[in-house]
Amino acid sequence: MEKNKTVKQNPHLSPKEKKQLVSQKKLVLINDDFNSFDHVIDCLVAICEHDPIQAEQCATITHYNGSCIIKTGKPKDLFIYKNDLNQYDLDVKIV
């Protein structure tokens, strides 16, 4: 017989911190066939404040996996990034 296993909650997080973690969303970059790596990297550096290495890694992950999480945060903050990236023809979504 197998004992019931329970998942322990992190005792170090307050209820407010737990709520903040739940309200976090992800901004996901979607692969496309027309933007160059340089364009994507430049946009991630300029708009999302990635350093060049991080931007290059995100562009590579997106190319090979089809998508990559490029930012996490509050939906209202991510919406601003989404709109800016859309202005430069990058396909992004908030999940």
PDB file of N, CA and C in Angstrom:
ATOM      1  N   MET A   1       0.833  -1.188   0.000  1.00  0.00           N
ATOM      2  CA  MET A   1       0.000   0.000   0.000  1.00  0.00           C
ATOM      3  C   MET A   1       0.872   1.243   0.000  1.00  0.00           C
ATOM      4  N   GLU A   2       0.430   2.239  -0.741  1.00  0.00           N
ATOM      5  CA  GLU A   2       1.178   3.488  -0.836  1.00  0.00           C
ATOM      6  C   GLU A   2       0.541   4.531   0.063  1.00  0.00           C
ATOM      7  N   LYS A   3       1.338   5.217   0.837  1.00  0.00           N
ATOM      8  CA  LYS A   3       0.831   6.267   1.710  1.00  0.00           C
ATOM      9  C   LYS A   3       0.430   7.479   0.883  1.00  0.00           C
ATOM     10  N   ASN A   4      -0.561   8.192   1.352  1.00  0.00           N
ATOM     11  CA  ASN A   4      -0.962   9.430   0.684  1.00  0.00           C
ATOM     12  C   ASN A   4       0.150  10.449   0.802  1.00  0.00           C
ATOM     13  N   LYS A   5       0.498  11.014  -0.312  1.00  0.00           N
ATOM     14  CA  LYS A   5       1.539  12.038  -0.319  1.00  0.00           C
ATOM     15  C   LYS A   5       0.870  13.391  -0.470  1.00  0.00           C
ATOM     16  N   THR A   6       1.260  14.300   0.365  1.00  0.00           N
ATOM     17  CA  THR A   6       0.711  15.650   0.276  1.00  0.00           C
ATOM     18  C   THR A   6       1.814  16.604  -0.115  1.00  0.00           C
ATOM     19  N   VAL A   7       1.417  17.605  -0.846  1.00  0.00           N
ATOM     20  CA  VAL A   7       2.361  18.639  -1.246  1.00  0.00           C
ATOM     21  C   VAL A   7       2.377  19.696  -0.151  1.00  0.00           C
ATOM     22  N   LYS A   8       3.546  19.944   0.387  1.00  0.00           N
ATOM     23  CA  LYS A   8       3.666  20.956   1.430  1.00  0.00           C
ATOM     24  C   LYS A   8       3.760  22.328   0.805  1.00  0.00           C
ATOM     25  N   GLN A   9       3.020  23.256   1.356  1.00  0.00           N
ATOM     26  CA  GLN A   9       3.102  24.634   0.894  1.00  0.00           C
ATOM     27  C   GLN A   9       4.316  25.288   1.520  1.00  0.00           C
ATOM     28  N   ASN A  10       4.847  26.257   0.823  1.00  0.00           N
ATOM     29  CA  ASN A  10       6.009  26.968   1.321  1.00  0.00           C
ATOM     30  C   ASN A  10       5.599  27.797   2.544  1.00  0.00           C
ATOM     31  N   PRO A  11       6.097  27.451   3.729  1.00  0.00           N
ATOM     32  CA  PRO A  11       5.692  28.171   4.936  1.00  0.00           C
ATOM     33  C   PRO A  11       6.265  29.586   5.011  1.00  0.00           C
ATOM     34  N   HIS A  12       7.212  29.905   4.135  1.00  0.00           N
ATOM     35  CA  HIS A  12       7.853  31.212   4.186  1.00  0.00           C
ATOM     36  C   HIS A  12       7.100  32.274   3.403  1.00  0.00           C
ATOM     37  N   LEU A  13       6.075  31.875   2.651  1.00  0.00           N
ATOM     38  CA  LEU A  13       5.317  32.855   1.867  1.00  0.00           C
ATOM     39  C   LEU A  13       4.079  33.288   2.640  1.00  0.00           C
ATOM     40  N   SER A  14       3.884  34.580   2.712  1.00  0.00           N
ATOM     41  CA  SER A  14       2.674  35.108   3.347  1.00  0.00           C
ATOM     42  C   SER A  14       1.513  34.956   2.369  1.00  0.00           C
ATOM     43  N   PRO A  15       0.274  35.062   2.843  1.00  0.00           N
ATOM     44  CA  PRO A  15      -0.865  34.993   1.918  1.00  0.00           C
ATOM     45  C   PRO A  15      -0.786  36.047   0.813  1.00  0.00           C
ATOM     46  N   LYS A  16      -0.279  37.234   1.153  1.00  0.00           N
ATOM     47  CA  LYS A  16      -0.145  38.292   0.148  1.00  0.00           C
ATOM     48  C   LYS A  16       0.857  37.881  -0.934  1.00  0.00           C
ATOM     49  N   GLU A  17       1.983  37.293  -0.532  1.00  0.00           N
ATOM     50  CA  GLU A  17       2.993  36.856  -1.494  1.00  0.00           C
ATOM     51  C   GLU A  17       2.467  35.728  -2.376  1.00  0.00           C
ATOM     52  N   LYS A  18       1.678  34.835  -1.786  1.00  0.00           N
ATOM     53  CA  LYS A  18       1.089  33.740  -2.560  1.00  0.00           C
ATOM     54  C   LYS A  18       0.138  34.305  -3.611  1.00  0.00           C
ATOM     55  N   LYS A  19      -0.650  35.296  -3.222  1.00  0.00           N
ATOM     56  CA  LYS A  19      -1.587  35.920  -4.162  1.00  0.00           C
ATOM     57  C   LYS A  19      -0.820  36.603  -5.297  1.00  0.00           C
ATOM     58  N   GLN A  20       0.298  37.253  -4.984  1.00  0.00           N
ATOM     59  CA  GLN A  20       1.094  37.920  -6.006  1.00  0.00           C
ATOM     60  C   GLN A  20       1.652  36.914  -7.004  1.00  0.00           C
ATOM     61  N   LEU A  21       2.073  35.744  -6.521  1.00  0.00           N
ATOM     62  CA  LEU A  21       2.591  34.719  -7.423  1.00  0.00           C
ATOM     63  C   LEU A  21       1.506  34.227  -8.368  1.00  0.00           C
ATOM     64  N   VAL A  22       0.284  34.093  -7.880  1.00  0.00           N
ATOM     65  CA  VAL A  22      -0.826  33.624  -8.699  1.00  0.00           C
ATOM     66  C   VAL A  22      -1.189  34.661  -9.753  1.00  0.00           C
ATOM     67  N   SER A  23      -1.096  35.945  -9.415  1.00  0.00           N
ATOM     68  CA  SER A  23      -1.506  36.992 -10.346  1.00  0.00           C
ATOM     69  C   SER A  23      -0.455  37.280 -11.417  1.00  0.00           C
ATOM     70  N   GLN A  24       0.702  36.637 -11.340  1.00  0.00           N
ATOM     71  CA  GLN A  24       1.748  36.835 -12.341  1.00  0.00           C
ATOM     72  C   GLN A  24       1.354  36.142 -13.646  1.00  0.00           C
ATOM     73  N   LYS A  25       1.613  36.804 -14.739  1.00  0.00           N
ATOM     74  CA  LYS A  25       1.382  36.246 -16.075  1.00  0.00           C
ATOM     75  C   LYS A  25       2.707  36.202 -16.809  1.00  0.00           C
ATOM     76  N   LYS A  26       2.701  35.556 -17.977  1.00  0.00           N
ATOM     77  CA  LYS A  26       3.921  35.410 -18.767  1.00  0.00           C
ATOM     78  C   LYS A  26       3.715  36.053 -20.136  1.00  0.00           C
ATOM     79  N   LEU A  27       4.745  36.734 -20.607  1.00  0.00           N
ATOM     80  CA  LEU A  27       4.772  37.270 -21.957  1.00  0.00           C
ATOM     81  C   LEU A  27       5.599  36.307 -22.792  1.00  0.00           C
ATOM     82  N   VAL A  28       4.986  35.746 -23.831  1.00  0.00           N
ATOM     83  CA  VAL A  28       5.607  34.695 -24.623  1.00  0.00           C
ATOM     84  C   VAL A  28       5.854  35.191 -26.041  1.00  0.00           C
ATOM     85  N   LEU A  29       7.087  35.036 -26.497  1.00  0.00           N
ATOM     86  CA  LEU A  29       7.471  35.370 -27.870  1.00  0.00           C
ATOM     87  C   LEU A  29       7.202  34.151 -28.735  1.00  0.00           C
ATOM     88  N   ILE A  30       6.509  34.356 -29.861  1.00  0.00           N
ATOM     89  CA  ILE A  30       6.147  33.276 -30.778  1.00  0.00           C
ATOM     90  C   ILE A  30       7.042  33.357 -32.013  1.00  0.00           C
ATOM     91  N   ASN A  31       7.502  32.204 -32.473  1.00  0.00           N
ATOM     92  CA  ASN A  31       8.356  32.149 -33.658  1.00  0.00           C
ATOM     93  C   ASN A  31       7.592  32.594 -34.905  1.00  0.00           C
ATOM     94  N   ASP A  32       8.296  33.239 -35.814  1.00  0.00           N
ATOM     95  CA  ASP A  32       7.730  33.602 -37.109  1.00  0.00           C
ATOM     96  C   ASP A  32       8.782  33.359 -38.185  1.00  0.00           C
ATOM     97  N   ASP A  33       8.371  33.502 -39.423  1.00  0.00           N
ATOM     98  CA  ASP A  33       9.275  33.223 -40.538  1.00  0.00           C
ATOM     99  C   ASP A  33       9.825  34.473 -41.209  1.00  0.00           C
ATOM    100  N   PHE A  34       9.533  35.644 -40.676  1.00  0.00           N
ATOM    101  CA  PHE A  34       9.971  36.845 -41.390  1.00  0.00           C
ATOM    102  C   PHE A  34      10.881  37.770 -40.596  1.00  0.00           C
ATOM    103  N   ASN A  35      10.915  37.723 -39.285  1.00  0.00           N
ATOM    104  CA  ASN A  35      11.817  38.593 -38.521  1.00  0.00           C
ATOM    105  C   ASN A  35      13.188  37.944 -38.392  1.00  0.00           C
ATOM    106  N   SER A  36      14.230  38.750 -38.571  1.00  0.00           N
ATOM    107  CA  SER A  36      15.597  38.246 -38.432  1.00  0.00           C
ATOM    108  C   SER A  36      15.969  38.116 -36.957  1.00  0.00           C
ATOM    109  N   PHE A  37      16.979  37.310 -36.690  1.00  0.00           N
ATOM    110  CA  PHE A  37      17.482  37.190 -35.320  1.00  0.00           C
ATOM    111  C   PHE A  37      17.913  38.555 -34.788  1.00  0.00           C
ATOM    112  N   ASP A  38      18.622  39.324 -35.611  1.00  0.00           N
ATOM    113  CA  ASP A  38      19.099  40.641 -35.172  1.00  0.00           C
ATOM    114  C   ASP A  38      17.949  41.561 -34.786  1.00  0.00           C
ATOM    115  N   HIS A  39      16.867  41.530 -35.581  1.00  0.00           N
ATOM    116  CA  HIS A  39      15.706  42.379 -35.274  1.00  0.00           C
ATOM    117  C   HIS A  39      15.085  41.970 -33.940  1.00  0.00           C
ATOM    118  N   VAL A  40      14.891  40.666 -33.740  1.00  0.00           N
ATOM    119  CA  VAL A  40      14.300  40.175 -32.492  1.00  0.00           C
ATOM    120  C   VAL A  40      15.191  40.530 -31.304  1.00  0.00           C
ATOM    121  N   ILE A  41      16.479  40.305 -31.447  1.00  0.00           N
ATOM    122  CA  ILE A  41      17.425  40.621 -30.361  1.00  0.00           C
ATOM    123  C   ILE A  41      17.401  42.116 -30.039  1.00  0.00           C
ATOM    124  N   ASP A  42      17.441  42.954 -31.071  1.00  0.00           N
ATOM    125  CA  ASP A  42      17.397  44.412 -30.856  1.00  0.00           C
ATOM    126  C   ASP A  42      16.134  44.827 -30.120  1.00  0.00           C
ATOM    127  N   CYS A  43      14.989  44.234 -30.488  1.00  0.00           N
ATOM    128  CA  CYS A  43      13.721  44.579 -29.835  1.00  0.00           C
ATOM    129  C   CYS A  43      13.709  44.135 -28.371  1.00  0.00           C
ATOM    130  N   LEU A  44      14.213  42.941 -28.103  1.00  0.00           N
ATOM    131  CA  LEU A  44      14.236  42.450 -26.722  1.00  0.00           C
ATOM    132  C   LEU A  44      15.152  43.295 -25.844  1.00  0.00           C
ATOM    133  N   VAL A  45      16.254  43.750 -26.412  1.00  0.00           N
ATOM    134  CA  VAL A  45      17.175  44.611 -25.653  1.00  0.00           C
ATOM    135  C   VAL A  45      16.535  45.974 -25.411  1.00  0.00           C
ATOM    136  N   ALA A  46      15.999  46.581 -26.461  1.00  0.00           N
ATOM    137  CA  ALA A  46      15.474  47.943 -26.361  1.00  0.00           C
ATOM    138  C   ALA A  46      14.160  48.018 -25.579  1.00  0.00           C
ATOM    139  N   ILE A  47      13.267  47.067 -25.790  1.00  0.00           N
ATOM    140  CA  ILE A  47      11.934  47.158 -25.197  1.00  0.00           C
ATOM    141  C   ILE A  47      11.838  46.408 -23.865  1.00  0.00           C
ATOM    142  N   CYS A  48      12.355  45.199 -23.840  1.00  0.00           N
ATOM    143  CA  CYS A  48      12.221  44.359 -22.640  1.00  0.00           C
ATOM    144  C   CYS A  48      13.396  44.492 -21.683  1.00  0.00           C
ATOM    145  N   GLU A  49      14.376  45.294 -22.055  1.00  0.00           N
ATOM    146  CA  GLU A  49      15.545  45.537 -21.217  1.00  0.00           C
ATOM    147  C   GLU A  49      16.362  44.272 -20.947  1.00  0.00           C
ATOM    148  N   HIS A  50      16.370  43.350 -21.918  1.00  0.00           N
ATOM    149  CA  HIS A  50      17.234  42.176 -21.813  1.00  0.00           C
ATOM    150  C   HIS A  50      18.666  42.605 -22.111  1.00  0.00           C
ATOM    151  N   ASP A  51      19.635  41.890 -21.553  1.00  0.00           N
ATOM    152  CA  ASP A  51      21.003  42.129 -22.004  1.00  0.00           C
ATOM    153  C   ASP A  51      21.168  41.352 -23.319  1.00  0.00           C
ATOM    154  N   PRO A  52      22.158  41.688 -24.128  1.00  0.00           N
ATOM    155  CA  PRO A  52      22.280  41.060 -25.449  1.00  0.00           C
ATOM    156  C   PRO A  52      22.369  39.533 -25.422  1.00  0.00           C
ATOM    157  N   ILE A  53      23.036  38.972 -24.433  1.00  0.00           N
ATOM    158  CA  ILE A  53      23.151  37.511 -24.355  1.00  0.00           C
ATOM    159  C   ILE A  53      21.798  36.882 -24.052  1.00  0.00           C
ATOM    160  N   GLN A  54      21.061  37.469 -23.114  1.00  0.00           N
ATOM    161  CA  GLN A  54      19.732  36.965 -22.774  1.00  0.00           C
ATOM    162  C   GLN A  54      18.807  37.061 -23.980  1.00  0.00           C
ATOM    163  N   ALA A  55      18.871  38.171 -24.707  1.00  0.00           N
ATOM    164  CA  ALA A  55      18.031  38.358 -25.882  1.00  0.00           C
ATOM    165  C   ALA A  55      18.359  37.323 -26.956  1.00  0.00           C
ATOM    166  N   GLU A  56      19.637  37.069 -27.154  1.00  0.00           N
ATOM    167  CA  GLU A  56      20.049  36.065 -28.146  1.00  0.00           C
ATOM    168  C   GLU A  56      19.563  34.668 -27.739  1.00  0.00           C
ATOM    169  N   GLN A  57      19.643  34.355 -26.454  1.00  0.00           N
ATOM    170  CA  GLN A  57      19.168  33.055 -25.979  1.00  0.00           C
ATOM    171  C   GLN A  57      17.664  32.912 -26.185  1.00  0.00           C
ATOM    172  N   CYS A  58      16.910  33.965 -25.894  1.00  0.00           N
ATOM    173  CA  CYS A  58      15.461  33.926 -26.098  1.00  0.00           C
ATOM    174  C   CYS A  58      15.114  33.764 -27.576  1.00  0.00           C
ATOM    175  N   ALA A  59      15.833  34.463 -28.442  1.00  0.00           N
ATOM    176  CA  ALA A  59      15.594  34.343 -29.881  1.00  0.00           C
ATOM    177  C   ALA A  59      15.887  32.922 -30.363  1.00  0.00           C
ATOM    178  N   THR A  60      16.956  32.326 -29.865  1.00  0.00           N
ATOM    179  CA  THR A  60      17.322  30.964 -30.254  1.00  0.00           C
ATOM    180  C   THR A  60      16.303  29.950 -29.742  1.00  0.00           C
ATOM    181  N   ILE A  61      15.903  30.078 -28.491  1.00  0.00           N
ATOM    182  CA  ILE A  61      14.890  29.183 -27.924  1.00  0.00           C
ATOM    183  C   ILE A  61      13.593  29.293 -28.713  1.00  0.00           C
ATOM    184  N   THR A  62      13.195  30.514 -29.040  1.00  0.00           N
ATOM    185  CA  THR A  62      11.969  30.727 -29.809  1.00  0.00           C
ATOM    186  C   THR A  62      12.071  30.068 -31.174  1.00  0.00           C
ATOM    187  N   HIS A  63      13.216  30.207 -31.823  1.00  0.00           N
ATOM    188  CA  HIS A  63      13.410  29.630 -33.149  1.00  0.00           C
ATOM    189  C   HIS A  63      13.282  28.107 -33.123  1.00  0.00           C
ATOM    190  N   TYR A  64      13.898  27.470 -32.152  1.00  0.00           N
ATOM    191  CA  TYR A  64      13.913  26.007 -32.111  1.00  0.00           C
ATOM    192  C   TYR A  64      12.700  25.386 -31.420  1.00  0.00           C
ATOM    193  N   ASN A  65      12.115  26.077 -30.447  1.00  0.00           N
ATOM    194  CA  ASN A  65      10.984  25.518 -29.702  1.00  0.00           C
ATOM    195  C   ASN A  65       9.634  26.087 -30.116  1.00  0.00           C
ATOM    196  N   GLY A  66       9.645  27.143 -30.902  1.00  0.00           N
ATOM    197  CA  GLY A  66       8.391  27.745 -31.339  1.00  0.00           C
ATOM    198  C   GLY A  66       7.925  28.892 -30.463  1.00  0.00           C
ATOM    199  N   SER A  67       8.418  28.958 -29.224  1.00  0.00           N
ATOM    200  CA  SER A  67       8.047  30.062 -28.328  1.00  0.00           C
ATOM    201  C   SER A  67       9.010  30.097 -27.152  1.00  0.00           C
ATOM    202  N   CYS A  68       8.975  31.231 -26.440  1.00  0.00           N
ATOM    203  CA  CYS A  68       9.839  31.400 -25.269  1.00  0.00           C
ATOM    204  C   CYS A  68       9.223  32.466 -24.360  1.00  0.00           C
ATOM    205  N   ILE A  69       9.248  32.213 -23.065  1.00  0.00           N
ATOM    206  CA  ILE A  69       8.803  33.222 -22.101  1.00  0.00           C
ATOM    207  C   ILE A  69       9.884  34.290 -22.032  1.00  0.00           C
ATOM    208  N   ILE A  70       9.497  35.534 -22.323  1.00  0.00           N
ATOM    209  CA  ILE A  70      10.487  36.612 -22.325  1.00  0.00           C
ATOM    210  C   ILE A  70      10.344  37.558 -21.144  1.00  0.00           C
ATOM    211  N   LYS A  71       9.201  37.502 -20.454  1.00  0.00           N
ATOM    212  CA  LYS A  71       8.995  38.385 -19.312  1.00  0.00           C
ATOM    213  C   LYS A  71       7.848  37.827 -18.474  1.00  0.00           C
ATOM    214  N   THR A  72       7.893  38.054 -17.176  1.00  0.00           N
ATOM    215  CA  THR A  72       6.781  37.710 -16.292  1.00  0.00           C
ATOM    216  C   THR A  72       6.431  38.945 -15.480  1.00  0.00           C
ATOM    217  N   GLY A  73       5.172  39.022 -15.082  1.00  0.00           N
ATOM    218  CA  GLY A  73       4.759  40.162 -14.278  1.00  0.00           C
ATOM    219  C   GLY A  73       3.261  40.329 -14.255  1.00  0.00           C
ATOM    220  N   LYS A  74       2.842  41.493 -13.828  1.00  0.00           N
ATOM    221  CA  LYS A  74       1.422  41.824 -13.771  1.00  0.00           C
ATOM    222  C   LYS A  74       0.889  42.000 -15.186  1.00  0.00           C
ATOM    223  N   PRO A  75      -0.348  41.549 -15.439  1.00  0.00           N
ATOM    224  CA  PRO A  75      -0.909  41.658 -16.788  1.00  0.00           C
ATOM    225  C   PRO A  75      -0.884  43.073 -17.351  1.00  0.00           C
ATOM    226  N   LYS A  76      -1.179  44.073 -16.521  1.00  0.00           N
ATOM    227  CA  LYS A  76      -1.201  45.449 -17.035  1.00  0.00           C
ATOM    228  C   LYS A  76       0.184  45.910 -17.485  1.00  0.00           C
ATOM    229  N   ASP A  77       1.234  45.447 -16.791  1.00  0.00           N
ATOM    230  CA  ASP A  77       2.601  45.793 -17.196  1.00  0.00           C
ATOM    231  C   ASP A  77       2.997  45.057 -18.474  1.00  0.00           C
ATOM    232  N   LEU A  78       2.637  43.778 -18.557  1.00  0.00           N
ATOM    233  CA  LEU A  78       2.976  42.982 -19.736  1.00  0.00           C
ATOM    234  C   LEU A  78       2.254  43.484 -20.982  1.00  0.00           C
ATOM    235  N   PHE A  79       1.055  44.014 -20.804  1.00  0.00           N
ATOM    236  CA  PHE A  79       0.286  44.530 -21.933  1.00  0.00           C
ATOM    237  C   PHE A  79       1.039  45.665 -22.638  1.00  0.00           C
ATOM    238  N   ILE A  80       1.733  46.475 -21.881  1.00  0.00           N
ATOM    239  CA  ILE A  80       2.527  47.578 -22.459  1.00  0.00           C
ATOM    240  C   ILE A  80       3.662  47.007 -23.307  1.00  0.00           C
ATOM    241  N   TYR A  81       4.373  46.016 -22.772  1.00  0.00           N
ATOM    242  CA  TYR A  81       5.445  45.368 -23.542  1.00  0.00           C
ATOM    243  C   TYR A  81       4.887  44.712 -24.802  1.00  0.00           C
ATOM    244  N   LYS A  82       3.741  44.043 -24.655  1.00  0.00           N
ATOM    245  CA  LYS A  82       3.115  43.370 -25.794  1.00  0.00           C
ATOM    246  C   LYS A  82       2.812  44.360 -26.911  1.00  0.00           C
ATOM    247  N   ASN A  83       2.212  45.478 -26.559  1.00  0.00           N
ATOM    248  CA  ASN A  83       1.884  46.490 -27.565  1.00  0.00           C
ATOM    249  C   ASN A  83       3.135  47.040 -28.243  1.00  0.00           C
ATOM    250  N   ASP A  84       4.162  47.305 -27.469  1.00  0.00           N
ATOM    251  CA  ASP A  84       5.407  47.830 -28.044  1.00  0.00           C
ATOM    252  C   ASP A  84       6.052  46.815 -28.991  1.00  0.00           C
ATOM    253  N   LEU A  85       6.103  45.551 -28.580  1.00  0.00           N
ATOM    254  CA  LEU A  85       6.696  44.516 -29.428  1.00  0.00           C
ATOM    255  C   LEU A  85       5.869  44.289 -30.694  1.00  0.00           C
ATOM    256  N   ASN A  86       4.539  44.387 -30.568  1.00  0.00           N
ATOM    257  CA  ASN A  86       3.676  44.266 -31.751  1.00  0.00           C
ATOM    258  C   ASN A  86       3.938  45.383 -32.752  1.00  0.00           C
ATOM    259  N   GLN A  87       4.298  46.563 -32.262  1.00  0.00           N
ATOM    260  CA  GLN A  87       4.613  47.687 -33.150  1.00  0.00           C
ATOM    261  C   GLN A  87       5.811  47.366 -34.044  1.00  0.00           C
ATOM    262  N   TYR A  88       6.677  46.483 -33.574  1.00  0.00           N
ATOM    263  CA  TYR A  88       7.863  46.086 -34.339  1.00  0.00           C
ATOM    264  C   TYR A  88       7.680  44.702 -34.973  1.00  0.00           C
ATOM    265  N   ASP A  89       6.425  44.311 -35.166  1.00  0.00           N
ATOM    266  CA  ASP A  89       6.030  43.078 -35.860  1.00  0.00           C
ATOM    267  C   ASP A  89       6.460  41.791 -35.180  1.00  0.00           C
ATOM    268  N   LEU A  90       6.683  41.824 -33.865  1.00  0.00           N
ATOM    269  CA  LEU A  90       6.947  40.595 -33.143  1.00  0.00           C
ATOM    270  C   LEU A  90       5.622  40.025 -32.647  1.00  0.00           C
ATOM    271  N   ASP A  91       5.489  38.718 -32.757  1.00  0.00           N
ATOM    272  CA  ASP A  91       4.275  38.033 -32.327  1.00  0.00           C
ATOM    273  C   ASP A  91       4.458  37.598 -30.886  1.00  0.00           C
ATOM    274  N   VAL A  92       3.689  38.203 -29.980  1.00  0.00           N
ATOM    275  CA  VAL A  92       3.764  37.863 -28.558  1.00  0.00           C
ATOM    276  C   VAL A  92       2.365  37.702 -27.998  1.00  0.00           C
ATOM    277  N   LYS A  93       2.266  36.900 -26.940  1.00  0.00           N
ATOM    278  CA  LYS A  93       0.970  36.743 -26.268  1.00  0.00           C
ATOM    279  C   LYS A  93       1.197  36.669 -24.765  1.00  0.00           C
ATOM    280  N   ILE A  94       0.158  37.010 -24.033  1.00  0.00           N
ATOM    281  CA  ILE A  94       0.188  36.955 -22.577  1.00  0.00           C
ATOM    282  C   ILE A  94      -0.590  35.704 -22.153  1.00  0.00           C
ATOM    283  N   VAL A  95       0.074  34.869 -21.356  1.00  0.00           N
ATOM    284  CA  VAL A  95      -0.590  33.644 -20.862  1.00  0.00           C
ATOM    285  C   VAL A  95      -0.499  33.560 -19.357  1.00  0.00           C
TER     286      VAL A  95
END
